[in-house]
N, C-alpha and C. Protein backbone atom coordinates (compact mmCIF):
# COMPACT_ATOMS: atom_id res chain seq x y z
N UNK A 1 -22.79 -60.11 5.67
CA UNK A 1 -21.52 -59.93 6.33
C UNK A 1 -21.67 -58.77 7.32
N UNK A 2 -21.16 -58.95 8.50
CA UNK A 2 -21.18 -57.88 9.49
C UNK A 2 -19.76 -57.54 9.89
N UNK A 3 -19.57 -56.29 10.23
CA UNK A 3 -18.26 -55.81 10.67
C UNK A 3 -18.40 -55.32 12.10
N UNK A 4 -17.47 -55.70 12.92
CA UNK A 4 -17.45 -55.23 14.30
C UNK A 4 -16.37 -54.16 14.43
N UNK A 5 -16.78 -52.97 14.81
CA UNK A 5 -15.82 -51.88 15.00
C UNK A 5 -15.21 -52.00 16.39
N UNK A 6 -13.91 -52.05 16.43
CA UNK A 6 -13.21 -52.17 17.70
C UNK A 6 -12.30 -50.96 17.86
N UNK A 7 -12.43 -50.30 19.00
CA UNK A 7 -11.60 -49.15 19.30
C UNK A 7 -10.21 -49.64 19.71
N UNK A 8 -9.18 -48.95 19.23
CA UNK A 8 -7.81 -49.31 19.60
C UNK A 8 -7.51 -48.84 21.02
N UNK A 9 -6.61 -49.53 21.68
CA UNK A 9 -6.15 -49.11 23.00
C UNK A 9 -5.18 -47.93 22.82
N UNK A 10 -4.90 -47.19 23.88
CA UNK A 10 -3.91 -46.11 23.77
C UNK A 10 -2.54 -46.59 23.26
N UNK A 11 -2.11 -47.76 23.69
CA UNK A 11 -0.83 -48.31 23.21
C UNK A 11 -0.91 -48.63 21.72
N UNK A 12 -2.02 -49.21 21.28
CA UNK A 12 -2.20 -49.51 19.86
C UNK A 12 -2.23 -48.22 19.03
N UNK A 13 -2.86 -47.18 19.56
CA UNK A 13 -2.89 -45.89 18.86
C UNK A 13 -1.48 -45.33 18.73
N UNK A 14 -0.72 -45.35 19.81
CA UNK A 14 0.66 -44.84 19.77
C UNK A 14 1.49 -45.62 18.75
N UNK A 15 1.36 -46.93 18.73
CA UNK A 15 2.11 -47.77 17.78
C UNK A 15 1.68 -47.46 16.35
N UNK A 16 0.39 -47.34 16.12
CA UNK A 16 -0.14 -47.03 14.80
C UNK A 16 0.38 -45.69 14.30
N UNK A 17 0.34 -44.67 15.15
CA UNK A 17 0.79 -43.33 14.75
C UNK A 17 2.30 -43.23 14.62
N UNK A 18 3.05 -44.15 15.24
CA UNK A 18 4.50 -44.14 15.12
C UNK A 18 4.96 -44.61 13.75
N UNK A 19 4.13 -45.40 13.05
CA UNK A 19 4.46 -45.83 11.70
C UNK A 19 4.42 -44.64 10.76
N UNK A 20 5.20 -44.71 9.69
CA UNK A 20 5.24 -43.62 8.72
C UNK A 20 3.99 -43.69 7.85
N UNK A 21 3.13 -42.71 8.04
CA UNK A 21 1.86 -42.63 7.31
C UNK A 21 1.62 -41.17 6.95
N UNK A 22 0.70 -40.96 6.03
CA UNK A 22 0.25 -39.59 5.75
C UNK A 22 -0.98 -39.32 6.60
N UNK A 23 -1.20 -38.07 6.88
CA UNK A 23 -2.39 -37.65 7.59
C UNK A 23 -3.15 -36.68 6.71
N UNK A 24 -4.43 -36.57 6.93
CA UNK A 24 -5.24 -35.54 6.29
C UNK A 24 -5.68 -34.60 7.40
N UNK A 25 -5.32 -33.33 7.24
CA UNK A 25 -5.63 -32.32 8.23
C UNK A 25 -6.81 -31.49 7.74
N UNK A 26 -7.79 -31.31 8.60
CA UNK A 26 -8.95 -30.50 8.28
C UNK A 26 -8.96 -29.21 9.09
N UNK A 27 -9.07 -28.09 8.38
CA UNK A 27 -9.21 -26.79 9.03
C UNK A 27 -10.52 -26.18 8.55
N UNK A 28 -10.90 -25.07 9.17
CA UNK A 28 -12.17 -24.41 8.83
C UNK A 28 -11.91 -23.15 8.01
N UNK A 29 -12.45 -23.13 6.79
CA UNK A 29 -12.34 -21.93 5.96
C UNK A 29 -13.20 -20.82 6.55
N UNK A 30 -12.97 -19.63 6.07
CA UNK A 30 -13.70 -18.47 6.60
C UNK A 30 -15.21 -18.61 6.40
N UNK A 31 -15.63 -19.33 5.34
CA UNK A 31 -17.07 -19.52 5.10
C UNK A 31 -17.63 -20.72 5.85
N UNK A 32 -16.78 -21.40 6.65
CA UNK A 32 -17.23 -22.53 7.45
C UNK A 32 -17.04 -23.88 6.77
N UNK A 33 -16.72 -23.88 5.49
CA UNK A 33 -16.52 -25.15 4.80
C UNK A 33 -15.14 -25.73 5.17
N UNK A 34 -14.99 -27.04 5.02
CA UNK A 34 -13.71 -27.66 5.41
C UNK A 34 -12.62 -27.47 4.35
N UNK A 35 -11.40 -27.32 4.83
CA UNK A 35 -10.19 -27.31 3.99
C UNK A 35 -9.43 -28.57 4.37
N UNK A 36 -9.28 -29.51 3.45
CA UNK A 36 -8.58 -30.76 3.73
C UNK A 36 -7.23 -30.76 3.03
N UNK A 37 -6.19 -31.15 3.76
CA UNK A 37 -4.83 -31.13 3.22
C UNK A 37 -4.06 -32.35 3.69
N UNK A 38 -3.44 -33.10 2.77
CA UNK A 38 -2.56 -34.18 3.21
C UNK A 38 -1.28 -33.57 3.77
N UNK A 39 -0.79 -34.11 4.87
CA UNK A 39 0.41 -33.58 5.51
C UNK A 39 1.27 -34.72 6.05
N UNK A 40 2.57 -34.44 6.14
CA UNK A 40 3.47 -35.28 6.92
C UNK A 40 3.32 -34.86 8.37
N UNK A 41 3.57 -35.77 9.27
CA UNK A 41 3.44 -35.41 10.68
C UNK A 41 4.46 -36.17 11.51
N UNK A 42 4.62 -35.68 12.70
CA UNK A 42 5.41 -36.36 13.73
C UNK A 42 4.51 -36.42 14.96
N UNK A 43 4.37 -37.60 15.54
CA UNK A 43 3.58 -37.77 16.75
C UNK A 43 4.54 -38.07 17.88
N UNK A 44 4.57 -37.19 18.86
CA UNK A 44 5.53 -37.34 19.95
C UNK A 44 4.91 -36.82 21.24
N UNK A 45 5.00 -37.62 22.28
CA UNK A 45 4.52 -37.23 23.62
C UNK A 45 3.07 -36.73 23.59
N UNK A 46 2.24 -37.42 22.80
CA UNK A 46 0.82 -37.11 22.78
C UNK A 46 0.42 -35.90 21.95
N UNK A 47 1.35 -35.35 21.18
CA UNK A 47 1.04 -34.19 20.33
C UNK A 47 1.44 -34.49 18.88
N UNK A 48 0.75 -33.83 17.97
CA UNK A 48 1.07 -33.91 16.54
C UNK A 48 1.83 -32.66 16.15
N UNK A 49 2.81 -32.83 15.30
CA UNK A 49 3.59 -31.71 14.77
C UNK A 49 3.58 -31.82 13.25
N UNK A 50 3.39 -30.70 12.59
CA UNK A 50 3.53 -30.64 11.15
C UNK A 50 4.01 -29.24 10.78
N UNK A 51 4.66 -29.14 9.65
CA UNK A 51 5.21 -27.86 9.21
C UNK A 51 4.52 -27.45 7.91
N UNK A 52 4.15 -26.18 7.81
CA UNK A 52 3.48 -25.68 6.60
C UNK A 52 4.07 -24.33 6.23
N UNK A 53 3.84 -23.92 4.99
CA UNK A 53 4.30 -22.61 4.56
C UNK A 53 3.42 -21.52 5.17
N UNK A 54 4.05 -20.48 5.66
CA UNK A 54 3.31 -19.33 6.18
C UNK A 54 2.49 -18.73 5.05
N UNK A 55 1.27 -18.42 5.33
CA UNK A 55 0.41 -17.80 4.34
C UNK A 55 -0.40 -18.77 3.50
N UNK A 56 -0.15 -20.09 3.64
CA UNK A 56 -0.97 -21.06 2.90
C UNK A 56 -2.37 -21.09 3.53
N UNK A 57 -3.30 -21.69 2.84
CA UNK A 57 -4.70 -21.69 3.29
C UNK A 57 -4.84 -22.27 4.70
N UNK A 58 -4.20 -23.41 4.96
CA UNK A 58 -4.37 -24.01 6.30
C UNK A 58 -3.77 -23.14 7.39
N UNK A 59 -2.66 -22.47 7.11
CA UNK A 59 -2.06 -21.56 8.09
C UNK A 59 -3.01 -20.40 8.39
N UNK A 60 -3.53 -19.79 7.34
CA UNK A 60 -4.45 -18.66 7.53
C UNK A 60 -5.72 -19.09 8.25
N UNK A 61 -6.23 -20.27 7.88
CA UNK A 61 -7.42 -20.80 8.57
C UNK A 61 -7.16 -20.98 10.06
N UNK A 62 -6.00 -21.54 10.39
CA UNK A 62 -5.69 -21.84 11.79
C UNK A 62 -5.35 -20.60 12.60
N UNK A 63 -4.86 -19.56 11.96
CA UNK A 63 -4.64 -18.30 12.69
C UNK A 63 -5.98 -17.70 13.12
N UNK A 64 -7.00 -17.92 12.32
CA UNK A 64 -8.32 -17.38 12.60
C UNK A 64 -9.13 -18.30 13.52
N UNK A 65 -8.99 -19.61 13.32
CA UNK A 65 -9.77 -20.60 14.07
C UNK A 65 -8.83 -21.75 14.43
N UNK A 66 -8.48 -21.90 15.69
CA UNK A 66 -7.46 -22.85 16.13
C UNK A 66 -7.94 -24.30 16.19
N UNK A 67 -9.19 -24.55 15.82
CA UNK A 67 -9.70 -25.92 15.83
C UNK A 67 -9.19 -26.67 14.60
N UNK A 68 -8.83 -27.94 14.82
CA UNK A 68 -8.27 -28.74 13.74
C UNK A 68 -8.67 -30.20 13.93
N UNK A 69 -8.77 -30.90 12.81
CA UNK A 69 -9.01 -32.35 12.82
C UNK A 69 -7.91 -33.00 12.00
N UNK A 70 -7.40 -34.11 12.49
CA UNK A 70 -6.39 -34.87 11.77
C UNK A 70 -6.86 -36.31 11.70
N UNK A 71 -6.81 -36.89 10.51
CA UNK A 71 -7.17 -38.29 10.34
C UNK A 71 -6.00 -39.03 9.70
N UNK A 72 -5.61 -40.12 10.34
CA UNK A 72 -4.54 -40.98 9.82
C UNK A 72 -5.16 -42.34 9.59
N UNK A 73 -5.07 -42.84 8.34
CA UNK A 73 -5.65 -44.16 8.08
C UNK A 73 -4.55 -45.14 7.71
N UNK A 74 -4.87 -46.41 7.80
CA UNK A 74 -3.88 -47.46 7.60
C UNK A 74 -3.54 -47.72 6.15
N UNK A 75 -4.27 -47.22 5.22
CA UNK A 75 -4.12 -47.42 3.78
C UNK A 75 -4.44 -48.88 3.43
N UNK A 76 -5.32 -49.05 2.50
CA UNK A 76 -5.81 -50.36 2.08
C UNK A 76 -4.66 -51.34 1.91
N UNK A 77 -4.75 -52.52 2.41
CA UNK A 77 -5.90 -53.19 3.01
C UNK A 77 -6.02 -53.02 4.52
N UNK A 78 -5.15 -52.24 5.13
CA UNK A 78 -5.21 -51.97 6.56
C UNK A 78 -6.38 -51.01 6.81
N UNK A 79 -7.39 -51.47 7.49
CA UNK A 79 -8.60 -50.66 7.65
C UNK A 79 -8.67 -49.89 8.97
N UNK A 80 -7.55 -49.78 9.67
CA UNK A 80 -7.54 -49.01 10.91
C UNK A 80 -7.46 -47.51 10.61
N UNK A 81 -7.92 -46.72 11.58
CA UNK A 81 -7.73 -45.27 11.48
C UNK A 81 -7.75 -44.66 12.86
N UNK A 82 -7.15 -43.46 12.95
CA UNK A 82 -7.19 -42.65 14.15
C UNK A 82 -7.59 -41.25 13.72
N UNK A 83 -8.57 -40.68 14.38
CA UNK A 83 -9.01 -39.31 14.11
C UNK A 83 -8.81 -38.49 15.38
N UNK A 84 -8.16 -37.35 15.21
CA UNK A 84 -7.85 -36.48 16.34
C UNK A 84 -8.58 -35.16 16.15
N UNK A 85 -9.25 -34.72 17.17
CA UNK A 85 -9.91 -33.42 17.19
C UNK A 85 -9.20 -32.60 18.26
N UNK A 86 -8.75 -31.41 17.88
CA UNK A 86 -8.02 -30.62 18.87
C UNK A 86 -7.83 -29.19 18.46
N UNK A 87 -6.85 -28.58 19.08
CA UNK A 87 -6.51 -27.19 18.80
C UNK A 87 -5.03 -27.12 18.44
N UNK A 88 -4.68 -26.03 17.78
CA UNK A 88 -3.31 -25.89 17.30
C UNK A 88 -2.65 -24.65 17.90
N UNK A 89 -1.37 -24.80 18.19
CA UNK A 89 -0.52 -23.66 18.53
C UNK A 89 0.40 -23.48 17.33
N UNK A 90 0.59 -22.24 16.90
CA UNK A 90 1.42 -21.97 15.73
C UNK A 90 2.75 -21.39 16.20
N UNK A 91 3.83 -22.11 15.90
CA UNK A 91 5.18 -21.66 16.26
C UNK A 91 5.79 -21.02 15.01
N UNK A 92 5.80 -19.70 14.99
CA UNK A 92 6.30 -18.98 13.82
C UNK A 92 7.76 -18.60 13.96
N UNK A 93 8.27 -18.52 15.19
CA UNK A 93 9.66 -18.14 15.43
C UNK A 93 10.58 -19.33 15.23
N UNK A 94 11.73 -19.09 14.61
CA UNK A 94 12.74 -20.14 14.47
C UNK A 94 13.34 -20.43 15.85
N UNK A 95 13.61 -21.70 16.12
CA UNK A 95 14.23 -22.08 17.39
C UNK A 95 14.88 -23.45 17.21
N UNK A 96 15.83 -23.80 18.10
CA UNK A 96 16.47 -25.11 17.99
C UNK A 96 15.49 -26.27 18.13
N UNK A 97 14.52 -26.19 19.05
CA UNK A 97 13.57 -27.29 19.22
C UNK A 97 12.69 -27.43 18.00
N UNK A 98 12.33 -26.31 17.37
CA UNK A 98 11.52 -26.37 16.15
C UNK A 98 12.32 -27.01 15.02
N UNK A 99 13.58 -26.62 14.87
CA UNK A 99 14.45 -27.19 13.83
C UNK A 99 14.61 -28.70 14.06
N UNK A 100 14.72 -29.11 15.31
CA UNK A 100 14.87 -30.54 15.62
C UNK A 100 13.62 -31.32 15.22
N UNK A 101 12.45 -30.76 15.49
CA UNK A 101 11.20 -31.44 15.13
C UNK A 101 11.04 -31.53 13.61
N UNK A 102 11.37 -30.46 12.90
CA UNK A 102 11.25 -30.47 11.44
C UNK A 102 12.25 -31.46 10.84
N UNK A 103 13.43 -31.57 11.43
CA UNK A 103 14.43 -32.53 10.96
C UNK A 103 13.93 -33.95 11.22
N UNK A 104 13.39 -34.20 12.39
CA UNK A 104 12.87 -35.53 12.72
C UNK A 104 11.76 -35.93 11.75
N UNK A 105 10.92 -34.96 11.35
CA UNK A 105 9.86 -35.25 10.37
C UNK A 105 10.46 -35.64 9.03
N UNK A 106 11.47 -34.91 8.58
CA UNK A 106 12.11 -35.21 7.29
C UNK A 106 12.74 -36.60 7.31
N UNK A 107 13.42 -36.94 8.39
CA UNK A 107 14.04 -38.26 8.49
C UNK A 107 12.99 -39.36 8.49
N UNK A 108 11.85 -39.08 9.09
CA UNK A 108 10.76 -40.06 9.17
C UNK A 108 10.24 -40.45 7.80
N UNK A 109 10.23 -39.53 6.86
CA UNK A 109 9.62 -39.77 5.55
C UNK A 109 10.63 -40.05 4.43
N UNK A 110 11.89 -40.26 4.77
CA UNK A 110 12.89 -40.59 3.76
C UNK A 110 13.62 -41.88 4.13
N UNK A 111 14.04 -42.60 3.12
CA UNK A 111 14.69 -43.89 3.32
C UNK A 111 16.08 -43.76 3.94
N UNK A 112 16.81 -42.70 3.55
CA UNK A 112 18.18 -42.55 4.05
C UNK A 112 18.37 -41.16 4.65
N UNK A 113 19.40 -41.04 5.48
CA UNK A 113 19.74 -39.74 6.06
C UNK A 113 20.11 -38.75 4.97
N UNK A 114 20.80 -39.22 3.92
CA UNK A 114 21.20 -38.34 2.83
C UNK A 114 19.98 -37.76 2.12
N UNK A 115 18.98 -38.60 1.88
CA UNK A 115 17.75 -38.10 1.24
C UNK A 115 17.06 -37.07 2.13
N UNK A 116 17.02 -37.32 3.41
CA UNK A 116 16.38 -36.38 4.35
C UNK A 116 17.13 -35.06 4.36
N UNK A 117 18.46 -35.12 4.41
CA UNK A 117 19.26 -33.90 4.41
C UNK A 117 19.08 -33.11 3.12
N UNK A 118 19.03 -33.82 1.99
CA UNK A 118 18.80 -33.13 0.71
C UNK A 118 17.43 -32.47 0.70
N UNK A 119 16.42 -33.17 1.18
CA UNK A 119 15.08 -32.61 1.26
C UNK A 119 15.08 -31.34 2.11
N UNK A 120 15.74 -31.39 3.25
CA UNK A 120 15.78 -30.22 4.14
C UNK A 120 16.49 -29.04 3.47
N UNK A 121 17.57 -29.30 2.74
CA UNK A 121 18.28 -28.23 2.03
C UNK A 121 17.40 -27.61 0.95
N UNK A 122 16.67 -28.46 0.22
CA UNK A 122 15.88 -27.98 -0.91
C UNK A 122 14.57 -27.32 -0.50
N UNK A 123 14.05 -27.68 0.64
CA UNK A 123 12.73 -27.17 1.02
C UNK A 123 12.74 -26.26 2.23
N UNK A 124 13.90 -26.05 2.83
CA UNK A 124 13.91 -25.19 4.02
C UNK A 124 13.46 -23.80 3.62
N UNK A 125 12.46 -23.34 4.29
CA UNK A 125 11.89 -22.04 3.97
C UNK A 125 11.80 -21.22 5.24
N UNK A 126 12.36 -20.03 5.21
CA UNK A 126 12.29 -19.19 6.42
C UNK A 126 10.86 -18.77 6.74
N UNK A 127 9.97 -18.93 5.76
CA UNK A 127 8.59 -18.52 6.00
C UNK A 127 7.68 -19.70 6.33
N UNK A 128 8.25 -20.81 6.82
CA UNK A 128 7.41 -21.91 7.25
C UNK A 128 7.05 -21.73 8.72
N UNK A 129 6.00 -22.41 9.14
CA UNK A 129 5.58 -22.38 10.54
C UNK A 129 5.38 -23.82 11.01
N UNK A 130 5.58 -24.04 12.28
CA UNK A 130 5.36 -25.35 12.87
C UNK A 130 4.00 -25.34 13.56
N UNK A 131 3.20 -26.33 13.26
CA UNK A 131 1.89 -26.47 13.90
C UNK A 131 2.00 -27.54 14.99
N UNK A 132 1.57 -27.19 16.18
CA UNK A 132 1.60 -28.11 17.32
C UNK A 132 0.15 -28.40 17.68
N UNK A 133 -0.27 -29.61 17.42
CA UNK A 133 -1.67 -29.98 17.61
C UNK A 133 -1.83 -30.74 18.92
N UNK A 134 -2.68 -30.20 19.79
CA UNK A 134 -2.98 -30.84 21.07
C UNK A 134 -4.33 -31.52 20.97
N UNK A 135 -4.35 -32.85 20.99
CA UNK A 135 -5.62 -33.58 20.89
C UNK A 135 -6.53 -33.31 22.09
N UNK A 136 -7.81 -33.10 21.81
CA UNK A 136 -8.81 -33.00 22.86
C UNK A 136 -9.73 -34.21 22.86
N UNK A 137 -9.83 -34.84 21.67
CA UNK A 137 -10.66 -36.03 21.52
C UNK A 137 -9.98 -36.91 20.49
N UNK A 138 -9.90 -38.22 20.79
CA UNK A 138 -9.27 -39.17 19.88
C UNK A 138 -10.26 -40.31 19.63
N UNK A 139 -10.53 -40.57 18.36
CA UNK A 139 -11.37 -41.70 17.96
C UNK A 139 -10.50 -42.67 17.17
N UNK A 140 -10.77 -43.95 17.31
CA UNK A 140 -10.01 -44.93 16.54
C UNK A 140 -10.90 -46.12 16.23
N UNK A 141 -10.55 -46.81 15.16
CA UNK A 141 -11.25 -48.02 14.79
C UNK A 141 -10.23 -49.02 14.28
N UNK A 142 -10.48 -50.27 14.58
CA UNK A 142 -9.65 -51.36 14.09
C UNK A 142 -10.58 -52.43 13.53
N UNK A 143 -10.74 -52.44 12.22
CA UNK A 143 -11.61 -53.41 11.56
C UNK A 143 -10.84 -54.65 11.12
N UNK A 144 -9.54 -54.69 11.39
CA UNK A 144 -8.72 -55.83 10.94
C UNK A 144 -9.08 -57.09 11.69
């Protein structure tokens, strides 16, 4: 049996990333080894957004080294994936645009508006930061 790897088009990548999926974010630990973390994300206008607690390992790693990798896979039996290599900007200050992005992320991962609002009330942390990931290289495969 042979498999032919087919790269997705930019439109196919945008459609794939618009679906509600989990991503695995890779950052670089101080010793150079990888730190992998599953994250919720929002993909909008060619950038990835995710929110993390200030002081967590991935936040500290990214303050020191702004390089990041994000991989989103289709989850079995969907064998597609998109891998993004890029850099991150850390938005630590509260702002209306940041609150809007975090709200959009919560709505994306909940079935109802009520569930999303409850999640935001229970998890809103003044010590969270928004990560803005700018892709520099995008790889994709579609084995379907």
